[in-house]
N, C-alpha and C. Protein backbone atom coordinates (compact mmCIF):
# COMPACT_ATOMS: atom_id res chain seq x y z
N UNK A 1 1.04 17.13 6.57
CA UNK A 1 0.58 15.76 6.42
C UNK A 1 -0.42 15.67 5.27
N UNK A 2 -0.23 14.68 4.43
CA UNK A 2 -1.19 14.44 3.36
C UNK A 2 -2.46 13.85 3.96
N UNK A 3 -3.57 14.18 3.35
CA UNK A 3 -4.86 13.68 3.84
C UNK A 3 -5.03 12.20 3.56
N UNK A 4 -5.61 11.51 4.52
CA UNK A 4 -5.91 10.09 4.36
C UNK A 4 -7.26 9.95 3.67
N UNK A 5 -7.38 8.91 2.83
CA UNK A 5 -8.65 8.63 2.18
C UNK A 5 -9.62 8.03 3.21
N UNK A 6 -10.88 7.95 2.84
CA UNK A 6 -11.88 7.33 3.72
C UNK A 6 -11.49 5.90 4.06
N UNK A 7 -11.03 5.15 3.07
CA UNK A 7 -10.65 3.75 3.29
C UNK A 7 -9.43 3.67 4.19
N UNK A 8 -8.46 4.56 3.98
CA UNK A 8 -7.28 4.57 4.84
C UNK A 8 -7.67 4.88 6.29
N UNK A 9 -8.59 5.80 6.48
CA UNK A 9 -9.06 6.11 7.84
C UNK A 9 -9.76 4.90 8.46
N UNK A 10 -10.51 4.17 7.65
CA UNK A 10 -11.18 2.97 8.14
C UNK A 10 -10.14 1.92 8.56
N UNK A 11 -9.14 1.71 7.71
CA UNK A 11 -8.07 0.76 8.02
C UNK A 11 -7.30 1.21 9.25
N UNK A 12 -7.03 2.50 9.35
CA UNK A 12 -6.31 3.05 10.50
C UNK A 12 -7.08 2.82 11.79
N UNK A 13 -8.39 3.00 11.75
CA UNK A 13 -9.22 2.76 12.93
C UNK A 13 -9.10 1.31 13.38
N UNK A 14 -9.18 0.39 12.43
CA UNK A 14 -9.09 -1.03 12.75
C UNK A 14 -7.69 -1.39 13.24
N UNK A 15 -6.69 -0.76 12.65
CA UNK A 15 -5.31 -0.96 13.07
C UNK A 15 -5.12 -0.52 14.53
N UNK A 16 -5.71 0.61 14.89
CA UNK A 16 -5.57 1.10 16.27
C UNK A 16 -6.34 0.23 17.26
N UNK A 17 -7.29 -0.55 16.75
CA UNK A 17 -8.02 -1.49 17.60
C UNK A 17 -7.24 -2.79 17.79
N UNK A 18 -6.09 -2.88 17.14
CA UNK A 18 -5.22 -4.04 17.30
C UNK A 18 -5.43 -5.15 16.30
N UNK A 19 -6.22 -4.90 15.27
CA UNK A 19 -6.46 -5.94 14.26
C UNK A 19 -5.22 -6.14 13.39
N UNK A 20 -5.00 -7.39 12.98
CA UNK A 20 -3.91 -7.65 12.03
C UNK A 20 -4.45 -7.50 10.61
N UNK A 21 -3.55 -7.62 9.63
CA UNK A 21 -3.94 -7.40 8.24
C UNK A 21 -5.05 -8.34 7.78
N UNK A 22 -4.98 -9.60 8.19
CA UNK A 22 -6.00 -10.57 7.77
C UNK A 22 -7.37 -10.18 8.34
N UNK A 23 -7.40 -9.80 9.61
CA UNK A 23 -8.65 -9.39 10.24
C UNK A 23 -9.22 -8.13 9.57
N UNK A 24 -8.34 -7.19 9.24
CA UNK A 24 -8.77 -5.96 8.56
C UNK A 24 -9.34 -6.31 7.19
N UNK A 25 -8.67 -7.21 6.48
CA UNK A 25 -9.13 -7.63 5.15
C UNK A 25 -10.52 -8.25 5.23
N UNK A 26 -10.73 -9.11 6.22
CA UNK A 26 -12.03 -9.75 6.38
C UNK A 26 -13.11 -8.73 6.72
N UNK A 27 -12.79 -7.81 7.61
CA UNK A 27 -13.75 -6.80 8.06
C UNK A 27 -14.13 -5.84 6.92
N UNK A 28 -13.15 -5.46 6.11
CA UNK A 28 -13.40 -4.48 5.04
C UNK A 28 -13.72 -5.13 3.70
N UNK A 29 -13.65 -6.47 3.66
CA UNK A 29 -13.94 -7.24 2.45
C UNK A 29 -13.05 -6.86 1.27
N UNK A 30 -11.75 -6.74 1.55
CA UNK A 30 -10.75 -6.54 0.50
C UNK A 30 -9.64 -7.58 0.72
N UNK A 31 -8.72 -7.67 -0.22
CA UNK A 31 -7.63 -8.64 -0.10
C UNK A 31 -6.59 -8.16 0.91
N UNK A 32 -5.82 -9.11 1.41
CA UNK A 32 -4.73 -8.76 2.32
C UNK A 32 -3.74 -7.85 1.60
N UNK A 33 -3.51 -8.09 0.32
CA UNK A 33 -2.61 -7.25 -0.47
C UNK A 33 -3.09 -5.79 -0.45
N UNK A 34 -4.37 -5.59 -0.61
CA UNK A 34 -4.94 -4.24 -0.58
C UNK A 34 -4.77 -3.61 0.79
N UNK A 35 -4.98 -4.38 1.83
CA UNK A 35 -4.79 -3.86 3.19
C UNK A 35 -3.34 -3.43 3.38
N UNK A 36 -2.41 -4.27 2.93
CA UNK A 36 -0.98 -3.94 3.06
C UNK A 36 -0.67 -2.64 2.33
N UNK A 37 -1.27 -2.43 1.17
CA UNK A 37 -1.05 -1.20 0.42
C UNK A 37 -1.59 0.00 1.19
N UNK A 38 -2.77 -0.15 1.79
CA UNK A 38 -3.34 0.94 2.59
C UNK A 38 -2.46 1.24 3.80
N UNK A 39 -2.00 0.20 4.48
CA UNK A 39 -1.16 0.38 5.67
C UNK A 39 0.14 1.09 5.29
N UNK A 40 0.73 0.69 4.18
CA UNK A 40 1.96 1.33 3.70
C UNK A 40 1.72 2.81 3.42
N UNK A 41 0.61 3.12 2.78
CA UNK A 41 0.25 4.50 2.48
C UNK A 41 0.02 5.30 3.76
N UNK A 42 -0.63 4.68 4.74
CA UNK A 42 -0.88 5.33 6.03
C UNK A 42 0.45 5.65 6.70
N UNK A 43 1.38 4.69 6.72
CA UNK A 43 2.69 4.92 7.32
C UNK A 43 3.38 6.10 6.65
N UNK A 44 3.33 6.13 5.33
CA UNK A 44 3.98 7.21 4.58
C UNK A 44 3.35 8.57 4.90
N UNK A 45 2.04 8.63 4.87
CA UNK A 45 1.34 9.89 5.09
C UNK A 45 1.49 10.40 6.53
N UNK A 46 1.55 9.48 7.50
CA UNK A 46 1.70 9.88 8.90
C UNK A 46 3.16 9.97 9.32
N UNK A 47 4.06 9.61 8.39
CA UNK A 47 5.49 9.56 8.70
C UNK A 47 5.74 8.66 9.92
N UNK A 48 5.14 7.47 9.85
CA UNK A 48 5.25 6.49 10.93
C UNK A 48 6.12 5.32 10.49
N UNK A 49 6.83 4.76 11.45
CA UNK A 49 7.72 3.63 11.17
C UNK A 49 7.09 2.27 11.45
N UNK A 50 5.88 2.27 11.97
CA UNK A 50 5.22 1.00 12.27
C UNK A 50 3.80 1.23 12.75
N UNK A 51 3.15 0.13 13.06
CA UNK A 51 1.74 0.16 13.44
C UNK A 51 1.51 0.95 14.73
N UNK A 52 2.35 0.71 15.72
CA UNK A 52 2.17 1.40 17.00
C UNK A 52 2.36 2.90 16.83
N UNK A 53 3.41 3.29 16.13
CA UNK A 53 3.66 4.71 15.91
C UNK A 53 2.51 5.34 15.11
N UNK A 54 2.01 4.65 14.12
CA UNK A 54 0.88 5.17 13.34
C UNK A 54 -0.34 5.34 14.23
N UNK A 55 -0.60 4.36 15.08
CA UNK A 55 -1.76 4.44 15.98
C UNK A 55 -1.62 5.61 16.95
N UNK A 56 -0.45 5.77 17.52
CA UNK A 56 -0.22 6.87 18.47
C UNK A 56 -0.40 8.21 17.78
N UNK A 57 0.19 8.37 16.59
CA UNK A 57 0.04 9.63 15.85
C UNK A 57 -1.41 9.89 15.49
N UNK A 58 -2.13 8.86 15.09
CA UNK A 58 -3.53 9.01 14.72
C UNK A 58 -4.37 9.46 15.91
N UNK A 59 -4.09 8.88 17.06
CA UNK A 59 -4.83 9.26 18.27
C UNK A 59 -4.50 10.70 18.66
N UNK A 60 -3.22 11.06 18.63
CA UNK A 60 -2.81 12.42 19.00
C UNK A 60 -3.40 13.46 18.05
N UNK A 61 -3.53 13.10 16.76
CA UNK A 61 -4.08 14.04 15.77
C UNK A 61 -5.61 14.01 15.73
N UNK A 62 -6.22 13.13 16.50
CA UNK A 62 -7.67 13.03 16.53
C UNK A 62 -8.26 12.39 15.29
N UNK A 63 -7.48 11.55 14.61
CA UNK A 63 -7.97 10.90 13.40
C UNK A 63 -8.85 9.70 13.71
N UNK A 64 -8.70 9.15 14.87
CA UNK A 64 -9.50 7.98 15.28
C UNK A 64 -10.09 8.22 16.66
């Protein structure tokens, strides 16, 4: 697995808390487009097909 950046870990934490992209963007003070890019990168690095799978993998790996 490729390492996640600090920002990706922050986005992943918020994703596992059930936040949507708009809420994550507001919380992290970045654009929704930037959040979408981070989420896409997280999916790729975790080899996840969606938000739930990414959250489960992150929890199992102790990332969040």
